[in-house]
Amino acid sequence: MASQTIRIRLKSFDHRLIDRSAAEIVDTARRSGARVKGPIPLPSRKERFTVLTSPHVNKDARDQYELRTHKRVLDIIEPTDRTVDLLMQLDLAAGVDVQIRLN
């Protein structure tokens, strides 16, 4: 039987928050005896918005805003039951979106 792998994808607007959460996951997985690949940084998505500052005329007066979405991927190779239990108990920050896939 092939070994199982847990792939965890993290998304956040704050890069410090996502790095801290990834470090917590890596420490927890290593304490339980599993091998970890990552965190692997994926390309950040940049959304840019341009807004007219004037309510009537003056098309040249604009403000520009940018929203960056940072992403990381972690692979946990050959997780044990203890690894899964510890990851389920882990309390991550509210600003981090977590997707877990089992291979």
PDB file of N, CA and C in Angstrom:
ATOM      1  N   MET A   1       0.840  -1.184   0.000  1.00  0.00           N
ATOM      2  CA  MET A   1       0.000   0.000   0.000  1.00  0.00           C
ATOM      3  C   MET A   1       0.888   1.250   0.000  1.00  0.00           C
ATOM      4  N   ALA A   2       0.530   2.221  -0.786  1.00  0.00           N
ATOM      5  CA  ALA A   2       1.311   3.459  -0.881  1.00  0.00           C
ATOM      6  C   ALA A   2       1.133   4.284   0.391  1.00  0.00           C
ATOM      7  N   SER A   3       2.137   5.081   0.708  1.00  0.00           N
ATOM      8  CA  SER A   3       2.065   5.901   1.913  1.00  0.00           C
ATOM      9  C   SER A   3       1.094   7.059   1.701  1.00  0.00           C
ATOM     10  N   GLN A   4       0.433   7.439   2.799  1.00  0.00           N
ATOM     11  CA  GLN A   4      -0.522   8.537   2.728  1.00  0.00           C
ATOM     12  C   GLN A   4       0.195   9.873   2.877  1.00  0.00           C
ATOM     13  N   THR A   5      -0.431  10.890   2.312  1.00  0.00           N
ATOM     14  CA  THR A   5       0.095  12.247   2.408  1.00  0.00           C
ATOM     15  C   THR A   5      -1.056  13.197   2.706  1.00  0.00           C
ATOM     16  N   ILE A   6      -0.829  14.108   3.621  1.00  0.00           N
ATOM     17  CA  ILE A   6      -1.800  15.168   3.897  1.00  0.00           C
ATOM     18  C   ILE A   6      -1.243  16.443   3.283  1.00  0.00           C
ATOM     19  N   ARG A   7      -2.019  17.072   2.402  1.00  0.00           N
ATOM     20  CA  ARG A   7      -1.618  18.350   1.809  1.00  0.00           C
ATOM     21  C   ARG A   7      -2.456  19.456   2.439  1.00  0.00           C
ATOM     22  N   ILE A   8      -1.770  20.436   3.016  1.00  0.00           N
ATOM     23  CA  ILE A   8      -2.436  21.558   3.681  1.00  0.00           C
ATOM     24  C   ILE A   8      -2.118  22.820   2.905  1.00  0.00           C
ATOM     25  N   ARG A   9      -3.184  23.527   2.471  1.00  0.00           N
ATOM     26  CA  ARG A   9      -3.024  24.805   1.767  1.00  0.00           C
ATOM     27  C   ARG A   9      -3.490  25.923   2.684  1.00  0.00           C
ATOM     28  N   LEU A  10      -2.651  26.927   2.842  1.00  0.00           N
ATOM     29  CA  LEU A  10      -2.970  28.075   3.687  1.00  0.00           C
ATOM     30  C   LEU A  10      -3.092  29.319   2.826  1.00  0.00           C
ATOM     31  N   LYS A  11      -4.110  30.144   3.116  1.00  0.00           N
ATOM     32  CA  LYS A  11      -4.292  31.423   2.426  1.00  0.00           C
ATOM     33  C   LYS A  11      -4.531  32.503   3.467  1.00  0.00           C
ATOM     34  N   SER A  12      -3.965  33.680   3.223  1.00  0.00           N
ATOM     35  CA  SER A  12      -4.161  34.788   4.141  1.00  0.00           C
ATOM     36  C   SER A  12      -3.796  36.101   3.456  1.00  0.00           C
ATOM     37  N   PHE A  13      -4.339  37.188   3.974  1.00  0.00           N
ATOM     38  CA  PHE A  13      -3.981  38.512   3.478  1.00  0.00           C
ATOM     39  C   PHE A  13      -2.716  39.023   4.168  1.00  0.00           C
ATOM     40  N   ASP A  14      -2.389  38.482   5.337  1.00  0.00           N
ATOM     41  CA  ASP A  14      -1.241  38.931   6.126  1.00  0.00           C
ATOM     42  C   ASP A  14      -0.142  37.871   6.069  1.00  0.00           C
ATOM     43  N   HIS A  15       1.017  38.207   5.532  1.00  0.00           N
ATOM     44  CA  HIS A  15       2.086  37.220   5.359  1.00  0.00           C
ATOM     45  C   HIS A  15       2.692  36.789   6.689  1.00  0.00           C
ATOM     46  N   ARG A  16       2.699  37.667   7.687  1.00  0.00           N
ATOM     47  CA  ARG A  16       3.242  37.278   8.996  1.00  0.00           C
ATOM     48  C   ARG A  16       2.357  36.234   9.666  1.00  0.00           C
ATOM     49  N   LEU A  17       1.056  36.405   9.518  1.00  0.00           N
ATOM     50  CA  LEU A  17       0.090  35.476  10.112  1.00  0.00           C
ATOM     51  C   LEU A  17       0.187  34.091   9.477  1.00  0.00           C
ATOM     52  N   ILE A  18       0.333  34.053   8.163  1.00  0.00           N
ATOM     53  CA  ILE A  18       0.405  32.765   7.464  1.00  0.00           C
ATOM     54  C   ILE A  18       1.726  32.055   7.777  1.00  0.00           C
ATOM     55  N   ASP A  19       2.817  32.797   7.926  1.00  0.00           N
ATOM     56  CA  ASP A  19       4.098  32.178   8.275  1.00  0.00           C
ATOM     57  C   ASP A  19       4.070  31.614   9.697  1.00  0.00           C
ATOM     58  N   ARG A  20       3.432  32.334  10.614  1.00  0.00           N
ATOM     59  CA  ARG A  20       3.316  31.867  11.992  1.00  0.00           C
ATOM     60  C   ARG A  20       2.461  30.594  12.063  1.00  0.00           C
ATOM     61  N   SER A  21       1.368  30.573  11.313  1.00  0.00           N
ATOM     62  CA  SER A  21       0.497  29.393  11.296  1.00  0.00           C
ATOM     63  C   SER A  21       1.206  28.193  10.678  1.00  0.00           C
ATOM     64  N   ALA A  22       1.955  28.424   9.608  1.00  0.00           N
ATOM     65  CA  ALA A  22       2.702  27.335   8.969  1.00  0.00           C
ATOM     66  C   ALA A  22       3.755  26.778   9.923  1.00  0.00           C
ATOM     67  N   ALA A  23       4.412  27.642  10.677  1.00  0.00           N
ATOM     68  CA  ALA A  23       5.417  27.181  11.640  1.00  0.00           C
ATOM     69  C   ALA A  23       4.777  26.338  12.741  1.00  0.00           C
ATOM     70  N   GLU A  24       3.576  26.720  13.199  1.00  0.00           N
ATOM     71  CA  GLU A  24       2.863  25.932  14.210  1.00  0.00           C
ATOM     72  C   GLU A  24       2.523  24.544  13.682  1.00  0.00           C
ATOM     73  N   ILE A  25       2.057  24.468  12.437  1.00  0.00           N
ATOM     74  CA  ILE A  25       1.700  23.182  11.842  1.00  0.00           C
ATOM     75  C   ILE A  25       2.938  22.303  11.693  1.00  0.00           C
ATOM     76  N   VAL A  26       4.043  22.878  11.232  1.00  0.00           N
ATOM     77  CA  VAL A  26       5.284  22.115  11.051  1.00  0.00           C
ATOM     78  C   VAL A  26       5.788  21.587  12.394  1.00  0.00           C
ATOM     79  N   ASP A  27       5.787  22.430  13.438  1.00  0.00           N
ATOM     80  CA  ASP A  27       6.245  21.991  14.756  1.00  0.00           C
ATOM     81  C   ASP A  27       5.374  20.866  15.300  1.00  0.00           C
ATOM     82  N   THR A  28       4.057  20.996  15.142  1.00  0.00           N
ATOM     83  CA  THR A  28       3.136  19.976  15.630  1.00  0.00           C
ATOM     84  C   THR A  28       3.342  18.654  14.905  1.00  0.00           C
ATOM     85  N   ALA A  29       3.497  18.703  13.596  1.00  0.00           N
ATOM     86  CA  ALA A  29       3.680  17.478  12.819  1.00  0.00           C
ATOM     87  C   ALA A  29       5.013  16.809  13.143  1.00  0.00           C
ATOM     88  N   ARG A  30       6.053  17.586  13.314  1.00  0.00           N
ATOM     89  CA  ARG A  30       7.371  17.002  13.621  1.00  0.00           C
ATOM     90  C   ARG A  30       7.406  16.399  15.023  1.00  0.00           C
ATOM     91  N   ARG A  31       6.689  17.024  15.980  1.00  0.00           N
ATOM     92  CA  ARG A  31       6.628  16.476  17.335  1.00  0.00           C
ATOM     93  C   ARG A  31       5.960  15.105  17.353  1.00  0.00           C
ATOM     94  N   SER A  32       5.024  14.881  16.439  1.00  0.00           N
ATOM     95  CA  SER A  32       4.300  13.609  16.409  1.00  0.00           C
ATOM     96  C   SER A  32       5.038  12.546  15.601  1.00  0.00           C
ATOM     97  N   GLY A  33       6.142  12.896  14.966  1.00  0.00           N
ATOM     98  CA  GLY A  33       6.948  11.910  14.268  1.00  0.00           C
ATOM     99  C   GLY A  33       6.727  11.822  12.771  1.00  0.00           C
ATOM    100  N   ALA A  34       5.991  12.735  12.177  1.00  0.00           N
ATOM    101  CA  ALA A  34       5.745  12.710  10.732  1.00  0.00           C
ATOM    102  C   ALA A  34       6.806  13.544  10.015  1.00  0.00           C
ATOM    103  N   ARG A  35       7.036  13.229   8.756  1.00  0.00           N
ATOM    104  CA  ARG A  35       7.943  14.031   7.927  1.00  0.00           C
ATOM    105  C   ARG A  35       7.138  15.146   7.270  1.00  0.00           C
ATOM    106  N   VAL A  36       7.766  16.315   7.142  1.00  0.00           N
ATOM    107  CA  VAL A  36       7.070  17.483   6.592  1.00  0.00           C
ATOM    108  C   VAL A  36       7.880  18.058   5.445  1.00  0.00           C
ATOM    109  N   LYS A  37       7.198  18.351   4.334  1.00  0.00           N
ATOM    110  CA  LYS A  37       7.792  19.112   3.231  1.00  0.00           C
ATOM    111  C   LYS A  37       7.136  20.480   3.236  1.00  0.00           C
ATOM    112  N   GLY A  38       7.942  21.502   3.305  1.00  0.00           N
ATOM    113  CA  GLY A  38       7.362  22.838   3.240  1.00  0.00           C
ATOM    114  C   GLY A  38       7.666  23.613   4.499  1.00  0.00           C
ATOM    115  N   PRO A  39       7.089  24.760   4.646  1.00  0.00           N
ATOM    116  CA  PRO A  39       6.073  25.392   3.802  1.00  0.00           C
ATOM    117  C   PRO A  39       6.653  25.910   2.483  1.00  0.00           C
ATOM    118  N   ILE A  40       5.940  25.636   1.422  1.00  0.00           N
ATOM    119  CA  ILE A  40       6.340  26.065   0.088  1.00  0.00           C
ATOM    120  C   ILE A  40       5.530  27.311  -0.262  1.00  0.00           C
ATOM    121  N   PRO A  41       6.169  28.457  -0.471  1.00  0.00           N
ATOM    122  CA  PRO A  41       5.410  29.657  -0.841  1.00  0.00           C
ATOM    123  C   PRO A  41       4.950  29.591  -2.292  1.00  0.00           C
ATOM    124  N   LEU A  42       3.678  29.827  -2.505  1.00  0.00           N
ATOM    125  CA  LEU A  42       3.110  29.901  -3.848  1.00  0.00           C
ATOM    126  C   LEU A  42       3.014  31.367  -4.251  1.00  0.00           C
ATOM    127  N   PRO A  43       2.845  31.657  -5.525  1.00  0.00           N
ATOM    128  CA  PRO A  43       2.753  33.061  -5.953  1.00  0.00           C
ATOM    129  C   PRO A  43       1.583  33.791  -5.287  1.00  0.00           C
ATOM    130  N   SER A  44       1.839  35.018  -4.866  1.00  0.00           N
ATOM    131  CA  SER A  44       0.798  35.837  -4.251  1.00  0.00           C
ATOM    132  C   SER A  44      -0.107  36.412  -5.325  1.00  0.00           C
ATOM    133  N   ARG A  45      -1.393  36.488  -5.011  1.00  0.00           N
ATOM    134  CA  ARG A  45      -2.360  37.069  -5.946  1.00  0.00           C
ATOM    135  C   ARG A  45      -2.538  38.536  -5.570  1.00  0.00           C
ATOM    136  N   LYS A  46      -2.364  39.416  -6.549  1.00  0.00           N
ATOM    137  CA  LYS A  46      -2.490  40.852  -6.311  1.00  0.00           C
ATOM    138  C   LYS A  46      -3.718  41.366  -7.044  1.00  0.00           C
ATOM    139  N   GLU A  47      -4.678  41.864  -6.294  1.00  0.00           N
ATOM    140  CA  GLU A  47      -5.859  42.492  -6.890  1.00  0.00           C
ATOM    141  C   GLU A  47      -5.702  43.995  -6.727  1.00  0.00           C
ATOM    142  N   ARG A  48      -5.833  44.713  -7.822  1.00  0.00           N
ATOM    143  CA  ARG A  48      -5.695  46.167  -7.775  1.00  0.00           C
ATOM    144  C   ARG A  48      -7.031  46.817  -8.110  1.00  0.00           C
ATOM    145  N   PHE A  49      -7.379  47.833  -7.323  1.00  0.00           N
ATOM    146  CA  PHE A  49      -8.618  48.572  -7.519  1.00  0.00           C
ATOM    147  C   PHE A  49      -8.276  50.041  -7.705  1.00  0.00           C
ATOM    148  N   THR A  50      -8.885  50.677  -8.695  1.00  0.00           N
ATOM    149  CA  THR A  50      -8.700  52.101  -8.932  1.00  0.00           C
ATOM    150  C   THR A  50     -10.041  52.789  -8.730  1.00  0.00           C
ATOM    151  N   VAL A  51     -10.048  53.821  -7.891  1.00  0.00           N
ATOM    152  CA  VAL A  51     -11.278  54.511  -7.521  1.00  0.00           C
ATOM    153  C   VAL A  51     -11.115  55.993  -7.831  1.00  0.00           C
ATOM    154  N   LEU A  52     -12.138  56.585  -8.450  1.00  0.00           N
ATOM    155  CA  LEU A  52     -12.130  58.028  -8.682  1.00  0.00           C
ATOM    156  C   LEU A  52     -12.365  58.742  -7.355  1.00  0.00           C
ATOM    157  N   THR A  53     -11.525  59.729  -7.034  1.00  0.00           N
ATOM    158  CA  THR A  53     -11.678  60.434  -5.765  1.00  0.00           C
ATOM    159  C   THR A  53     -12.709  61.547  -5.856  1.00  0.00           C
ATOM    160  N   SER A  54     -12.896  62.098  -7.027  1.00  0.00           N
ATOM    161  CA  SER A  54     -13.846  63.190  -7.204  1.00  0.00           C
ATOM    162  C   SER A  54     -15.242  62.618  -7.466  1.00  0.00           C
ATOM    163  N   PRO A  55     -16.276  63.172  -6.840  1.00  0.00           N
ATOM    164  CA  PRO A  55     -17.627  62.649  -7.069  1.00  0.00           C
ATOM    165  C   PRO A  55     -18.236  63.077  -8.408  1.00  0.00           C
ATOM    166  N   HIS A  56     -17.658  64.102  -9.059  1.00  0.00           N
ATOM    167  CA  HIS A  56     -18.305  64.615 -10.270  1.00  0.00           C
ATOM    168  C   HIS A  56     -17.361  64.580 -11.475  1.00  0.00           C
ATOM    169  N   VAL A  57     -16.420  65.499 -11.535  1.00  0.00           N
ATOM    170  CA  VAL A  57     -15.501  65.582 -12.671  1.00  0.00           C
ATOM    171  C   VAL A  57     -14.081  65.298 -12.193  1.00  0.00           C
ATOM    172  N   ASN A  58     -13.095  65.624 -13.012  1.00  0.00           N
ATOM    173  CA  ASN A  58     -11.684  65.465 -12.680  1.00  0.00           C
ATOM    174  C   ASN A  58     -11.281  63.988 -12.689  1.00  0.00           C
ATOM    175  N   LYS A  59     -11.236  63.444 -13.896  1.00  0.00           N
ATOM    176  CA  LYS A  59     -10.904  62.033 -14.103  1.00  0.00           C
ATOM    177  C   LYS A  59      -9.459  61.705 -13.717  1.00  0.00           C
ATOM    178  N   ASP A  60      -8.596  62.724 -13.628  1.00  0.00           N
ATOM    179  CA  ASP A  60      -7.192  62.480 -13.315  1.00  0.00           C
ATOM    180  C   ASP A  60      -6.958  62.181 -11.832  1.00  0.00           C
ATOM    181  N   ALA A  61      -7.909  62.540 -10.977  1.00  0.00           N
ATOM    182  CA  ALA A  61      -7.742  62.331  -9.537  1.00  0.00           C
ATOM    183  C   ALA A  61      -8.261  60.941  -9.165  1.00  0.00           C
ATOM    184  N   ARG A  62      -7.318  60.027  -8.890  1.00  0.00           N
ATOM    185  CA  ARG A  62      -7.698  58.646  -8.573  1.00  0.00           C
ATOM    186  C   ARG A  62      -6.868  58.129  -7.400  1.00  0.00           C
ATOM    187  N   ASP A  63      -7.449  57.181  -6.687  1.00  0.00           N
ATOM    188  CA  ASP A  63      -6.722  56.448  -5.646  1.00  0.00           C
ATOM    189  C   ASP A  63      -6.615  54.999  -6.086  1.00  0.00           C
ATOM    190  N   GLN A  64      -5.484  54.379  -5.787  1.00  0.00           N
ATOM    191  CA  GLN A  64      -5.298  52.973  -6.140  1.00  0.00           C
ATOM    192  C   GLN A  64      -5.062  52.159  -4.872  1.00  0.00           C
ATOM    193  N   TYR A  65      -5.736  51.007  -4.805  1.00  0.00           N
ATOM    194  CA  TYR A  65      -5.620  50.105  -3.667  1.00  0.00           C
ATOM    195  C   TYR A  65      -5.194  48.731  -4.165  1.00  0.00           C
ATOM    196  N   GLU A  66      -4.528  47.994  -3.294  1.00  0.00           N
ATOM    197  CA  GLU A  66      -4.047  46.669  -3.665  1.00  0.00           C
ATOM    198  C   GLU A  66      -4.362  45.692  -2.533  1.00  0.00           C
ATOM    199  N   LEU A  67      -4.832  44.509  -2.910  1.00  0.00           N
ATOM    200  CA  LEU A  67      -5.141  43.453  -1.957  1.00  0.00           C
ATOM    201  C   LEU A  67      -4.318  42.229  -2.341  1.00  0.00           C
ATOM    202  N   ARG A  68      -3.417  41.800  -1.452  1.00  0.00           N
ATOM    203  CA  ARG A  68      -2.545  40.659  -1.749  1.00  0.00           C
ATOM    204  C   ARG A  68      -3.015  39.439  -0.972  1.00  0.00           C
ATOM    205  N   THR A  69      -3.100  38.309  -1.659  1.00  0.00           N
ATOM    206  CA  THR A  69      -3.446  37.039  -1.036  1.00  0.00           C
ATOM    207  C   THR A  69      -2.215  36.147  -1.076  1.00  0.00           C
ATOM    208  N   HIS A  70      -1.689  35.825   0.098  1.00  0.00           N
ATOM    209  CA  HIS A  70      -0.490  34.995   0.208  1.00  0.00           C
ATOM    210  C   HIS A  70      -0.911  33.544   0.394  1.00  0.00           C
ATOM    211  N   LYS A  71      -0.142  32.614  -0.208  1.00  0.00           N
ATOM    212  CA  LYS A  71      -0.478  31.192  -0.143  1.00  0.00           C
ATOM    213  C   LYS A  71       0.758  30.371   0.209  1.00  0.00           C
ATOM    214  N   ARG A  72       0.532  29.307   0.980  1.00  0.00           N
ATOM    215  CA  ARG A  72       1.586  28.352   1.333  1.00  0.00           C
ATOM    216  C   ARG A  72       1.018  26.940   1.221  1.00  0.00           C
ATOM    217  N   VAL A  73       1.896  25.976   0.903  1.00  0.00           N
ATOM    218  CA  VAL A  73       1.519  24.564   0.830  1.00  0.00           C
ATOM    219  C   VAL A  73       2.461  23.772   1.727  1.00  0.00           C
ATOM    220  N   LEU A  74       1.877  22.851   2.505  1.00  0.00           N
ATOM    221  CA  LEU A  74       2.653  21.941   3.341  1.00  0.00           C
ATOM    222  C   LEU A  74       2.226  20.519   3.017  1.00  0.00           C
ATOM    223  N   ASP A  75       3.182  19.610   2.911  1.00  0.00           N
ATOM    224  CA  ASP A  75       2.895  18.191   2.731  1.00  0.00           C
ATOM    225  C   ASP A  75       3.379  17.454   3.966  1.00  0.00           C
ATOM    226  N   ILE A  76       2.476  16.701   4.584  1.00  0.00           N
ATOM    227  CA  ILE A  76       2.833  15.862   5.722  1.00  0.00           C
ATOM    228  C   ILE A  76       2.843  14.431   5.211  1.00  0.00           C
ATOM    229  N   ILE A  77       4.027  13.813   5.236  1.00  0.00           N
ATOM    230  CA  ILE A  77       4.218  12.492   4.653  1.00  0.00           C
ATOM    231  C   ILE A  77       4.146  11.443   5.758  1.00  0.00           C
ATOM    232  N   GLU A  78       3.419  10.377   5.500  1.00  0.00           N
ATOM    233  CA  GLU A  78       3.233   9.263   6.433  1.00  0.00           C
ATOM    234  C   GLU A  78       2.767   9.741   7.806  1.00  0.00           C
ATOM    235  N   PRO A  79       1.603  10.404   7.880  1.00  0.00           N
ATOM    236  CA  PRO A  79       1.113  10.870   9.178  1.00  0.00           C
ATOM    237  C   PRO A  79       0.611   9.704  10.028  1.00  0.00           C
ATOM    238  N   THR A  80       0.807   9.813  11.327  1.00  0.00           N
ATOM    239  CA  THR A  80       0.291   8.818  12.258  1.00  0.00           C
ATOM    240  C   THR A  80      -1.068   9.288  12.769  1.00  0.00           C
ATOM    241  N   ASP A  81      -1.724   8.434  13.546  1.00  0.00           N
ATOM    242  CA  ASP A  81      -2.999   8.835  14.150  1.00  0.00           C
ATOM    243  C   ASP A  81      -2.789   9.990  15.123  1.00  0.00           C
ATOM    244  N   ARG A  82      -1.663   9.964  15.807  1.00  0.00           N
ATOM    245  CA  ARG A  82      -1.346  11.043  16.751  1.00  0.00           C
ATOM    246  C   ARG A  82      -1.161  12.368  16.012  1.00  0.00           C
ATOM    247  N   THR A  83      -0.573  12.323  14.821  1.00  0.00           N
ATOM    248  CA  THR A  83      -0.389  13.537  14.015  1.00  0.00           C
ATOM    249  C   THR A  83      -1.734  14.160  13.679  1.00  0.00           C
ATOM    250  N   VAL A  84      -2.671  13.333  13.232  1.00  0.00           N
ATOM    251  CA  VAL A  84      -3.997  13.832  12.854  1.00  0.00           C
ATOM    252  C   VAL A  84      -4.710  14.412  14.068  1.00  0.00           C
ATOM    253  N   ASP A  85      -4.616  13.735  15.223  1.00  0.00           N
ATOM    254  CA  ASP A  85      -5.260  14.239  16.438  1.00  0.00           C
ATOM    255  C   ASP A  85      -4.679  15.588  16.862  1.00  0.00           C
ATOM    256  N   LEU A  86      -3.352  15.709  16.824  1.00  0.00           N
ATOM    257  CA  LEU A  86      -2.727  16.974  17.212  1.00  0.00           C
ATOM    258  C   LEU A  86      -3.075  18.102  16.246  1.00  0.00           C
ATOM    259  N   LEU A  87      -3.156  17.790  14.946  1.00  0.00           N
ATOM    260  CA  LEU A  87      -3.518  18.826  13.967  1.00  0.00           C
ATOM    261  C   LEU A  87      -4.969  19.264  14.132  1.00  0.00           C
ATOM    262  N   MET A  88      -5.847  18.335  14.524  1.00  0.00           N
ATOM    263  CA  MET A  88      -7.253  18.693  14.737  1.00  0.00           C
ATOM    264  C   MET A  88      -7.404  19.605  15.957  1.00  0.00           C
ATOM    265  N   GLN A  89      -6.550  19.437  16.957  1.00  0.00           N
ATOM    266  CA  GLN A  89      -6.624  20.250  18.170  1.00  0.00           C
ATOM    267  C   GLN A  89      -5.954  21.610  18.003  1.00  0.00           C
ATOM    268  N   LEU A  90      -5.200  21.781  16.944  1.00  0.00           N
ATOM    269  CA  LEU A  90      -4.442  23.013  16.730  1.00  0.00           C
ATOM    270  C   LEU A  90      -5.387  24.182  16.465  1.00  0.00           C
ATOM    271  N   ASP A  91      -5.167  25.286  17.164  1.00  0.00           N
ATOM    272  CA  ASP A  91      -6.002  26.478  17.013  1.00  0.00           C
ATOM    273  C   ASP A  91      -5.196  27.530  16.252  1.00  0.00           C
ATOM    274  N   LEU A  92      -5.544  27.735  14.974  1.00  0.00           N
ATOM    275  CA  LEU A  92      -4.828  28.698  14.138  1.00  0.00           C
ATOM    276  C   LEU A  92      -5.522  30.053  14.179  1.00  0.00           C
ATOM    277  N   ALA A  93      -4.856  31.065  13.673  1.00  0.00           N
ATOM    278  CA  ALA A  93      -5.388  32.430  13.667  1.00  0.00           C
ATOM    279  C   ALA A  93      -6.639  32.523  12.798  1.00  0.00           C
ATOM    280  N   ALA A  94      -7.491  33.485  13.111  1.00  0.00           N
ATOM    281  CA  ALA A  94      -8.763  33.636  12.406  1.00  0.00           C
ATOM    282  C   ALA A  94      -8.581  34.133  10.977  1.00  0.00           C
ATOM    283  N   GLY A  95      -7.488  34.791  10.671  1.00  0.00           N
ATOM    284  CA  GLY A  95      -7.281  35.345   9.339  1.00  0.00           C
ATOM    285  C   GLY A  95      -6.663  34.386   8.348  1.00  0.00           C
ATOM    286  N   VAL A  96      -6.535  33.107   8.711  1.00  0.00           N
ATOM    287  CA  VAL A  96      -5.894  32.121   7.842  1.00  0.00           C
ATOM    288  C   VAL A  96      -6.932  31.104   7.391  1.00  0.00           C
ATOM    289  N   ASP A  97      -7.048  30.923   6.074  1.00  0.00           N
ATOM    290  CA  ASP A  97      -7.944  29.925   5.496  1.00  0.00           C
ATOM    291  C   ASP A  97      -7.152  28.638   5.298  1.00  0.00           C
ATOM    292  N   VAL A  98      -7.686  27.519   5.796  1.00  0.00           N
ATOM    293  CA  VAL A  98      -6.987  26.236   5.748  1.00  0.00           C
ATOM    294  C   VAL A  98      -7.793  25.251   4.917  1.00  0.00           C
ATOM    295  N   GLN A  99      -7.136  24.626   3.940  1.00  0.00           N
ATOM    296  CA  GLN A  99      -7.741  23.550   3.152  1.00  0.00           C
ATOM    297  C   GLN A  99      -6.876  22.313   3.337  1.00  0.00           C
ATOM    298  N   ILE A 100      -7.515  21.191   3.676  1.00  0.00           N
ATOM    299  CA  ILE A 100      -6.784  19.950   3.921  1.00  0.00           C
ATOM    300  C   ILE A 100      -7.257  18.893   2.938  1.00  0.00           C
ATOM    301  N   ARG A 101      -6.295  18.225   2.291  1.00  0.00           N
ATOM    302  CA  ARG A 101      -6.616  17.161   1.336  1.00  0.00           C
ATOM    303  C   ARG A 101      -5.776  15.935   1.668  1.00  0.00           C
ATOM    304  N   LEU A 102      -6.399  14.775   1.621  1.00  0.00           N
ATOM    305  CA  LEU A 102      -5.730  13.517   1.918  1.00  0.00           C
ATOM    306  C   LEU A 102      -5.465  12.779   0.623  1.00  0.00           C
ATOM    307  N   ASN A 103      -4.217  12.395   0.373  1.00  0.00           N
ATOM    308  CA  ASN A 103      -3.855  11.643  -0.834  1.00  0.00           C
ATOM    309  C   ASN A 103      -3.585  10.205  -0.471  1.00  0.00           C
TER     310      ASN A 103
END
